[in-house]
Amino acid sequence: MPFSFEIEKLLPLEVLVRQSYVNDKEKFIVFSPKYKDGHLEELDKRAKLVDDCINPKSLTVRMKNNTGSQVKLFDRTLAFLDKVERYVEMAETNVPLTKKDLGITPLREECHSHNAAFVTEGLKTIKKLLAPHLAILEPLGYTKEIQAEGESLTTTIGSNKIEYNKLLNERMKLVVDNIDLFESLWDFLNDILKTGKTIYKKDPVKIKEYTQSEILKRLEHIVSDDNDETGGTTTDTKK
């Protein structure tokens, strides 16, 4: 790959570079007539080819549906953990386990972080720790149906994770099979960056708009601000 950053950042980077380029188009044309007619259209064409490759509609819908299902599963897991915690509290000294023993708090945290691997293992641990005490917990309301719900969550979250990884692999194969499209877009963007840095060499503010490292920093801030506003977290990293 001709660039050092994650391939998922190529299109977001293109959006920021394009914004600056459109705003400064006249200065680019003064610098070189190569930036005249059709140059911006060619950039858009290459960006669309990459977008169509990395985000084919059918695959995007499947990934979105998988992520939506996983989010609902984590919400159900949080509700299940609330029940487990309360039933153990109700058992008092008859069940010598605390929420700390069961790992309830870190499990809740990882549900919010959408960490499927951690959550499935945590649910398995809870089942194992509660198994010797079912004779006490079941009369209190920890029914076989609720226990079955815990097992179902464990299985389904795990299978969803496997399916999501398959979809990621499918997307990566599309990237590998069409690597020339990514290289072509990057070559085009890199040309704009180099010219932009030349034009604004003596402008310490504007030159940042054409400096790769500075653009990547802006992308990180944009993602961070989006998460702060929505209360969300990145879902892909831990699935």
C-alpha atoms as a PDB file:
ATOM      1  CA  MET A   1       0.000   0.000   0.000  1.00  0.00           C
ATOM      2  CA  PRO A   2       1.475   3.411  -0.950  1.00  0.00           C
ATOM      3  CA  PHE A   3       0.164   5.103   2.219  1.00  0.00           C
ATOM      4  CA  SER A   4       0.928   4.306   5.854  1.00  0.00           C
ATOM      5  CA  PHE A   5      -2.469   4.890   7.507  1.00  0.00           C
ATOM      6  CA  GLU A   6      -5.426   2.479   7.800  1.00  0.00           C
ATOM      7  CA  ILE A   7      -7.212   1.921   4.521  1.00  0.00           C
ATOM      8  CA  GLU A   8     -10.558   2.820   6.150  1.00  0.00           C
ATOM      9  CA  LYS A   9      -9.277   6.400   6.507  1.00  0.00           C
ATOM     10  CA  LEU A  10      -8.637   6.909   2.797  1.00  0.00           C
ATOM     11  CA  LEU A  11     -12.166   8.037   1.875  1.00  0.00           C
ATOM     12  CA  PRO A  12     -12.645  10.308   4.940  1.00  0.00           C
ATOM     13  CA  LEU A  13      -9.259  11.836   4.142  1.00  0.00           C
ATOM     14  CA  GLU A  14     -10.365  12.346   0.546  1.00  0.00           C
ATOM     15  CA  VAL A  15     -13.427  14.274   1.760  1.00  0.00           C
ATOM     16  CA  LEU A  16     -11.277  16.727   3.743  1.00  0.00           C
ATOM     17  CA  VAL A  17      -8.717  17.138   0.962  1.00  0.00           C
ATOM     18  CA  ARG A  18     -11.491  17.696  -1.570  1.00  0.00           C
ATOM     19  CA  GLN A  19     -13.057  20.443   0.578  1.00  0.00           C
ATOM     20  CA  SER A  20      -9.759  22.331   0.748  1.00  0.00           C
ATOM     21  CA  TYR A  21      -9.028  21.731  -2.926  1.00  0.00           C
ATOM     22  CA  VAL A  22     -12.440  23.063  -4.040  1.00  0.00           C
ATOM     23  CA  ASN A  23     -11.997  26.172  -1.892  1.00  0.00           C
ATOM     24  CA  ASP A  24      -8.503  26.807  -3.309  1.00  0.00           C
ATOM     25  CA  LYS A  25      -9.142  25.661  -6.877  1.00  0.00           C
ATOM     26  CA  GLU A  26      -8.305  29.020  -8.464  1.00  0.00           C
ATOM     27  CA  LYS A  27      -4.845  29.084  -6.885  1.00  0.00           C
ATOM     28  CA  PHE A  28      -4.215  25.536  -8.061  1.00  0.00           C
ATOM     29  CA  ILE A  29      -5.152  26.515 -11.621  1.00  0.00           C
ATOM     30  CA  VAL A  30      -2.829  29.531 -11.451  1.00  0.00           C
ATOM     31  CA  PHE A  31      -0.083  27.203 -10.267  1.00  0.00           C
ATOM     32  CA  SER A  32      -0.668  24.702 -13.106  1.00  0.00           C
ATOM     33  CA  PRO A  33      -3.242  24.327 -15.894  1.00  0.00           C
ATOM     34  CA  LYS A  34      -3.371  20.575 -15.142  1.00  0.00           C
ATOM     35  CA  TYR A  35      -5.882  21.428 -12.407  1.00  0.00           C
ATOM     36  CA  LYS A  36      -8.282  22.955 -14.911  1.00  0.00           C
ATOM     37  CA  ASP A  37     -11.218  21.289 -16.649  1.00  0.00           C
ATOM     38  CA  GLY A  38     -12.107  17.789 -15.526  1.00  0.00           C
ATOM     39  CA  HIS A  39      -9.541  17.472 -12.722  1.00  0.00           C
ATOM     40  CA  LEU A  40     -12.053  17.642  -9.872  1.00  0.00           C
ATOM     41  CA  GLU A  41     -14.401  15.334 -11.762  1.00  0.00           C
ATOM     42  CA  GLU A  42     -11.591  12.793 -12.090  1.00  0.00           C
ATOM     43  CA  LEU A  43     -11.007  12.934  -8.335  1.00  0.00           C
ATOM     44  CA  ASP A  44     -14.703  12.307  -7.711  1.00  0.00           C
ATOM     45  CA  LYS A  45     -14.689   9.424 -10.185  1.00  0.00           C
ATOM     46  CA  ARG A  46     -11.790   7.695  -8.458  1.00  0.00           C
ATOM     47  CA  ALA A  47     -13.303   8.254  -5.020  1.00  0.00           C
ATOM     48  CA  LYS A  48     -16.606   6.721  -6.149  1.00  0.00           C
ATOM     49  CA  LEU A  49     -14.839   3.644  -7.522  1.00  0.00           C
ATOM     50  CA  VAL A  50     -13.169   3.121  -4.139  1.00  0.00           C
ATOM     51  CA  ASP A  51     -16.415   3.748  -2.271  1.00  0.00           C
ATOM     52  CA  ASP A  52     -18.296   1.270  -4.453  1.00  0.00           C
ATOM     53  CA  CYS A  53     -15.548  -1.268  -3.818  1.00  0.00           C
ATOM     54  CA  ILE A  54     -15.229  -0.945  -0.045  1.00  0.00           C
ATOM     55  CA  ASN A  55     -18.913  -0.245   0.588  1.00  0.00           C
ATOM     56  CA  PRO A  56     -20.975  -2.356  -1.822  1.00  0.00           C
ATOM     57  CA  LYS A  57     -24.645  -1.907  -0.937  1.00  0.00           C
ATOM     58  CA  SER A  58     -25.379  -5.553  -0.200  1.00  0.00           C
ATOM     59  CA  LEU A  59     -22.365  -5.936   2.109  1.00  0.00           C
ATOM     60  CA  THR A  60     -23.007  -2.615   3.831  1.00  0.00           C
ATOM     61  CA  VAL A  61     -26.611  -3.615   4.592  1.00  0.00           C
ATOM     62  CA  ARG A  62     -25.496  -6.962   6.008  1.00  0.00           C
ATOM     63  CA  MET A  63     -22.856  -5.311   8.216  1.00  0.00           C
ATOM     64  CA  LYS A  64     -25.333  -2.689   9.402  1.00  0.00           C
ATOM     65  CA  ASN A  65     -27.915  -5.352  10.241  1.00  0.00           C
ATOM     66  CA  ASN A  66     -25.314  -7.420  12.087  1.00  0.00           C
ATOM     67  CA  THR A  67     -24.163  -4.425  14.118  1.00  0.00           C
ATOM     68  CA  GLY A  68     -27.746  -3.464  14.928  1.00  0.00           C
ATOM     69  CA  SER A  69     -28.498  -6.987  16.123  1.00  0.00           C
ATOM     70  CA  GLN A  70     -25.349  -7.029  18.241  1.00  0.00           C
ATOM     71  CA  VAL A  71     -26.261  -3.725  19.924  1.00  0.00           C
ATOM     72  CA  LYS A  72     -29.671  -5.125  20.873  1.00  0.00           C
ATOM     73  CA  LEU A  73     -27.995  -8.254  22.255  1.00  0.00           C
ATOM     74  CA  PHE A  74     -25.726  -6.172  24.471  1.00  0.00           C
ATOM     75  CA  ASP A  75     -28.763  -4.249  25.755  1.00  0.00           C
ATOM     76  CA  ARG A  76     -30.459  -7.542  26.597  1.00  0.00           C
ATOM     77  CA  THR A  77     -27.278  -8.697  28.319  1.00  0.00           C
ATOM     78  CA  LEU A  78     -27.281  -5.596  30.527  1.00  0.00           C
ATOM     79  CA  ALA A  79     -30.859  -6.402  31.565  1.00  0.00           C
ATOM     80  CA  PHE A  80     -29.862 -10.017  32.251  1.00  0.00           C
ATOM     81  CA  LEU A  81     -26.953  -8.871  34.441  1.00  0.00           C
ATOM     82  CA  ASP A  82     -29.300  -6.658  36.448  1.00  0.00           C
ATOM     83  CA  LYS A  83     -31.450  -9.710  37.200  1.00  0.00           C
ATOM     84  CA  VAL A  84     -28.468 -11.884  38.150  1.00  0.00           C
ATOM     85  CA  GLU A  85     -27.111  -9.236  40.487  1.00  0.00           C
ATOM     86  CA  ARG A  86     -30.445  -8.797  42.235  1.00  0.00           C
ATOM     87  CA  TYR A  87     -31.126 -12.510  42.674  1.00  0.00           C
ATOM     88  CA  VAL A  88     -27.688 -13.027  44.214  1.00  0.00           C
ATOM     89  CA  GLU A  89     -28.337 -10.092  46.566  1.00  0.00           C
ATOM     90  CA  MET A  90     -31.690 -11.617  47.542  1.00  0.00           C
ATOM     91  CA  ALA A  91     -29.982 -14.922  48.382  1.00  0.00           C
ATOM     92  CA  GLU A  92     -27.882 -13.051  50.955  1.00  0.00           C
ATOM     93  CA  THR A  93     -25.517 -15.370  52.838  1.00  0.00           C
ATOM     94  CA  ASN A  94     -27.001 -18.499  51.280  1.00  0.00           C
ATOM     95  CA  VAL A  95     -25.068 -17.801  48.091  1.00  0.00           C
ATOM     96  CA  PRO A  96     -21.517 -16.710  48.973  1.00  0.00           C
ATOM     97  CA  LEU A  97     -21.031 -14.682  45.774  1.00  0.00           C
ATOM     98  CA  THR A  98     -20.850 -10.944  45.178  1.00  0.00           C
ATOM     99  CA  LYS A  99     -21.165  -8.871  41.993  1.00  0.00           C
ATOM    100  CA  LYS A 100     -17.380  -8.602  42.122  1.00  0.00           C
ATOM    101  CA  ASP A 101     -17.032 -12.401  42.179  1.00  0.00           C
ATOM    102  CA  LEU A 102     -19.314 -12.593  39.146  1.00  0.00           C
ATOM    103  CA  GLY A 103     -17.495  -9.793  37.317  1.00  0.00           C
ATOM    104  CA  ILE A 104     -20.712  -7.827  36.850  1.00  0.00           C
ATOM    105  CA  THR A 105     -19.144  -4.343  36.678  1.00  0.00           C
ATOM    106  CA  PRO A 106     -16.482  -5.088  34.031  1.00  0.00           C
ATOM    107  CA  LEU A 107     -19.083  -7.064  32.089  1.00  0.00           C
ATOM    108  CA  ARG A 108     -21.368  -4.029  32.007  1.00  0.00           C
ATOM    109  CA  GLU A 109     -18.479  -1.851  30.857  1.00  0.00           C
ATOM    110  CA  GLU A 110     -17.606  -4.248  28.044  1.00  0.00           C
ATOM    111  CA  CYS A 111     -21.253  -4.449  26.990  1.00  0.00           C
ATOM    112  CA  HIS A 112     -21.152  -0.691  26.476  1.00  0.00           C
ATOM    113  CA  SER A 113     -17.881  -1.116  24.552  1.00  0.00           C
ATOM    114  CA  HIS A 114     -19.446  -3.912  22.453  1.00  0.00           C
ATOM    115  CA  ASN A 115     -16.641  -6.317  23.319  1.00  0.00           C
ATOM    116  CA  ALA A 116     -18.235  -9.582  22.226  1.00  0.00           C
ATOM    117  CA  ALA A 117     -15.345 -11.865  23.177  1.00  0.00           C
ATOM    118  CA  PHE A 118     -15.152 -10.534  26.746  1.00  0.00           C
ATOM    119  CA  VAL A 119     -18.926 -10.609  27.244  1.00  0.00           C
ATOM    120  CA  THR A 120     -19.387 -14.185  26.027  1.00  0.00           C
ATOM    121  CA  GLU A 121     -16.625 -15.424  28.324  1.00  0.00           C
ATOM    122  CA  GLY A 122     -18.083 -13.439  31.215  1.00  0.00           C
ATOM    123  CA  LEU A 123     -21.517 -14.964  30.704  1.00  0.00           C
ATOM    124  CA  LYS A 124     -19.991 -18.437  30.677  1.00  0.00           C
ATOM    125  CA  THR A 125     -18.238 -17.669  33.967  1.00  0.00           C
ATOM    126  CA  ILE A 126     -21.485 -16.493  35.569  1.00  0.00           C
ATOM    127  CA  LYS A 127     -23.264 -19.693  34.523  1.00  0.00           C
ATOM    128  CA  LYS A 128     -20.450 -21.802  35.989  1.00  0.00           C
ATOM    129  CA  LEU A 129     -20.368 -19.886  39.289  1.00  0.00           C
ATOM    130  CA  LEU A 130     -24.136 -19.935  39.773  1.00  0.00           C
ATOM    131  CA  ALA A 131     -24.620 -23.600  38.853  1.00  0.00           C
ATOM    132  CA  PRO A 132     -23.987 -24.969  42.403  1.00  0.00           C
ATOM    133  CA  HIS A 133     -26.542 -22.513  43.859  1.00  0.00           C
ATOM    134  CA  LEU A 134     -29.558 -22.979  41.579  1.00  0.00           C
ATOM    135  CA  ALA A 135     -31.565 -24.739  44.281  1.00  0.00           C
ATOM    136  CA  ILE A 136     -31.479 -21.488  46.243  1.00  0.00           C
ATOM    137  CA  LEU A 137     -31.703 -19.011  43.346  1.00  0.00           C
ATOM    138  CA  GLU A 138     -34.535 -20.610  41.356  1.00  0.00           C
ATOM    139  CA  PRO A 139     -37.189 -20.224  44.121  1.00  0.00           C
ATOM    140  CA  LEU A 140     -36.192 -16.548  44.310  1.00  0.00           C
ATOM    141  CA  GLY A 141     -37.050 -16.019  40.636  1.00  0.00           C
ATOM    142  CA  TYR A 142     -33.895 -17.025  38.762  1.00  0.00           C
ATOM    143  CA  THR A 143     -35.965 -19.395  36.652  1.00  0.00           C
ATOM    144  CA  LYS A 144     -34.830 -21.875  34.036  1.00  0.00           C
ATOM    145  CA  GLU A 145     -36.199 -19.455  31.415  1.00  0.00           C
ATOM    146  CA  ILE A 146     -33.893 -16.688  32.637  1.00  0.00           C
ATOM    147  CA  GLN A 147     -30.997 -19.128  32.740  1.00  0.00           C
ATOM    148  CA  ALA A 148     -31.800 -20.153  29.171  1.00  0.00           C
ATOM    149  CA  GLU A 149     -31.791 -16.489  28.177  1.00  0.00           C
ATOM    150  CA  GLY A 150     -28.233 -16.190  29.477  1.00  0.00           C
ATOM    151  CA  GLU A 151     -27.168 -19.213  27.447  1.00  0.00           C
ATOM    152  CA  SER A 152     -28.929 -17.855  24.366  1.00  0.00           C
ATOM    153  CA  LEU A 153     -27.151 -14.504  24.719  1.00  0.00           C
ATOM    154  CA  THR A 154     -23.800 -16.275  25.035  1.00  0.00           C
ATOM    155  CA  THR A 155     -24.377 -18.307  21.886  1.00  0.00           C
ATOM    156  CA  THR A 156     -25.914 -15.547  19.776  1.00  0.00           C
ATOM    157  CA  ILE A 157     -23.365 -12.858  20.639  1.00  0.00           C
ATOM    158  CA  GLY A 158     -20.627 -15.335  19.783  1.00  0.00           C
ATOM    159  CA  SER A 159     -22.173 -16.351  16.464  1.00  0.00           C
ATOM    160  CA  ASN A 160     -22.812 -12.706  15.561  1.00  0.00           C
ATOM    161  CA  LYS A 161     -19.169 -11.964  16.195  1.00  0.00           C
ATOM    162  CA  ILE A 162     -18.121 -14.787  13.878  1.00  0.00           C
ATOM    163  CA  GLU A 163     -20.502 -13.549  11.170  1.00  0.00           C
ATOM    164  CA  TYR A 164     -19.206  -9.980  11.523  1.00  0.00           C
ATOM    165  CA  ASN A 165     -15.621 -11.180  11.151  1.00  0.00           C
ATOM    166  CA  LYS A 166     -16.653 -13.045   7.998  1.00  0.00           C
ATOM    167  CA  LEU A 167     -18.137  -9.830   6.610  1.00  0.00           C
ATOM    168  CA  LEU A 168     -14.943  -7.944   7.456  1.00  0.00           C
ATOM    169  CA  ASN A 169     -12.913 -10.601   5.668  1.00  0.00           C
ATOM    170  CA  GLU A 170     -15.241 -10.322   2.688  1.00  0.00           C
ATOM    171  CA  ARG A 171     -14.706  -6.570   2.600  1.00  0.00           C
ATOM    172  CA  MET A 172     -10.936  -6.961   2.921  1.00  0.00           C
ATOM    173  CA  LYS A 173     -10.916  -9.391   0.011  1.00  0.00           C
ATOM    174  CA  LEU A 174     -12.664  -6.752  -2.075  1.00  0.00           C
ATOM    175  CA  VAL A 175      -9.908  -4.328  -1.122  1.00  0.00           C
ATOM    176  CA  VAL A 176      -7.140  -6.781  -2.005  1.00  0.00           C
ATOM    177  CA  ASP A 177      -8.777  -7.696  -5.304  1.00  0.00           C
ATOM    178  CA  ASN A 178      -9.129  -4.010  -6.237  1.00  0.00           C
ATOM    179  CA  ILE A 179      -5.981  -2.573  -4.695  1.00  0.00           C
ATOM    180  CA  ASP A 180      -5.220  -0.653  -7.884  1.00  0.00           C
ATOM    181  CA  LEU A 181      -8.295   1.536  -7.283  1.00  0.00           C
ATOM    182  CA  PHE A 182      -7.007   2.556  -3.860  1.00  0.00           C
ATOM    183  CA  GLU A 183      -3.538   3.246  -5.200  1.00  0.00           C
ATOM    184  CA  SER A 184      -4.999   5.312  -8.037  1.00  0.00           C
ATOM    185  CA  LEU A 185      -7.047   7.472  -5.656  1.00  0.00           C
ATOM    186  CA  TRP A 186      -4.104   7.948  -3.325  1.00  0.00           C
ATOM    187  CA  ASP A 187      -1.801   8.985  -6.166  1.00  0.00           C
ATOM    188  CA  PHE A 188      -4.352  11.609  -7.179  1.00  0.00           C
ATOM    189  CA  LEU A 189      -4.782  12.875  -3.614  1.00  0.00           C
ATOM    190  CA  ASN A 190      -1.061  12.886  -2.956  1.00  0.00           C
ATOM    191  CA  ASP A 191      -0.520  15.067  -6.023  1.00  0.00           C
ATOM    192  CA  ILE A 192      -3.008  17.595  -4.624  1.00  0.00           C
ATOM    193  CA  LEU A 193      -1.330  17.482  -1.220  1.00  0.00           C
ATOM    194  CA  LYS A 194       2.115  18.120  -2.684  1.00  0.00           C
ATOM    195  CA  THR A 195       0.919  21.052  -4.772  1.00  0.00           C
ATOM    196  CA  GLY A 196      -1.094  22.461  -1.884  1.00  0.00           C
ATOM    197  CA  LYS A 197       1.967  22.396   0.376  1.00  0.00           C
ATOM    198  CA  THR A 198       3.977  24.145  -2.326  1.00  0.00           C
ATOM    199  CA  ILE A 199       1.348  26.868  -2.811  1.00  0.00           C
ATOM    200  CA  TYR A 200       0.929  27.484   0.923  1.00  0.00           C
ATOM    201  CA  LYS A 201       4.505  26.855   2.009  1.00  0.00           C
ATOM    202  CA  LYS A 202       4.696  30.225   3.777  1.00  0.00           C
ATOM    203  CA  ASP A 203       1.217  30.011   5.300  1.00  0.00           C
ATOM    204  CA  PRO A 204       1.477  28.031   8.565  1.00  0.00           C
ATOM    205  CA  VAL A 205      -2.300  27.659   8.827  1.00  0.00           C
ATOM    206  CA  LYS A 206      -3.271  26.735   5.272  1.00  0.00           C
ATOM    207  CA  ILE A 207      -0.392  24.333   4.770  1.00  0.00           C
ATOM    208  CA  LYS A 208      -1.903  22.088   7.453  1.00  0.00           C
ATOM    209  CA  GLU A 209      -4.860  21.452   5.137  1.00  0.00           C
ATOM    210  CA  TYR A 210      -2.467  19.718   2.751  1.00  0.00           C
ATOM    211  CA  THR A 211      -0.296  17.915   5.299  1.00  0.00           C
ATOM    212  CA  GLN A 212      -1.201  14.257   5.712  1.00  0.00           C
ATOM    213  CA  SER A 213      -0.385  14.029   9.417  1.00  0.00           C
ATOM    214  CA  GLU A 214      -2.476  17.118  10.188  1.00  0.00           C
ATOM    215  CA  ILE A 215      -5.438  15.829   8.184  1.00  0.00           C
ATOM    216  CA  LEU A 216      -5.319  12.510  10.045  1.00  0.00           C
ATOM    217  CA  LYS A 217      -5.356  14.431  13.334  1.00  0.00           C
ATOM    218  CA  ARG A 218      -8.475  16.253  12.170  1.00  0.00           C
ATOM    219  CA  LEU A 219     -10.106  12.918  11.350  1.00  0.00           C
ATOM    220  CA  GLU A 220      -9.380  11.650  14.859  1.00  0.00           C
ATOM    221  CA  HIS A 221     -10.979  14.749  16.369  1.00  0.00           C
ATOM    222  CA  ILE A 222     -14.034  14.385  14.146  1.00  0.00           C
ATOM    223  CA  VAL A 223     -14.520  10.758  15.235  1.00  0.00           C
ATOM    224  CA  SER A 224     -13.968  11.681  18.883  1.00  0.00           C
ATOM    225  CA  ASP A 225     -16.464  14.557  18.707  1.00  0.00           C
ATOM    226  CA  ASP A 226     -19.072  12.314  17.058  1.00  0.00           C
ATOM    227  CA  ASN A 227     -18.712   9.744  19.834  1.00  0.00           C
ATOM    228  CA  ASP A 228     -18.987  12.430  22.525  1.00  0.00           C
ATOM    229  CA  GLU A 229     -22.187  13.802  21.004  1.00  0.00           C
ATOM    230  CA  THR A 230     -23.864  10.407  20.592  1.00  0.00           C
ATOM    231  CA  GLY A 231     -22.463   8.717  23.665  1.00  0.00           C
ATOM    232  CA  GLY A 232     -21.329   5.971  21.327  1.00  0.00           C
ATOM    233  CA  THR A 233     -18.155   4.036  20.931  1.00  0.00           C
ATOM    234  CA  THR A 234     -16.455   2.418  18.018  1.00  0.00           C
ATOM    235  CA  THR A 235     -18.120  -0.908  17.444  1.00  0.00           C
ATOM    236  CA  ASP A 236     -15.689  -2.591  15.095  1.00  0.00           C
ATOM    237  CA  THR A 237     -12.551  -2.703  17.124  1.00  0.00           C
ATOM    238  CA  LYS A 238     -13.589  -5.216  19.740  1.00  0.00           C
ATOM    239  CA  LYS A 239     -16.140  -7.302  17.974  1.00  0.00           C
END
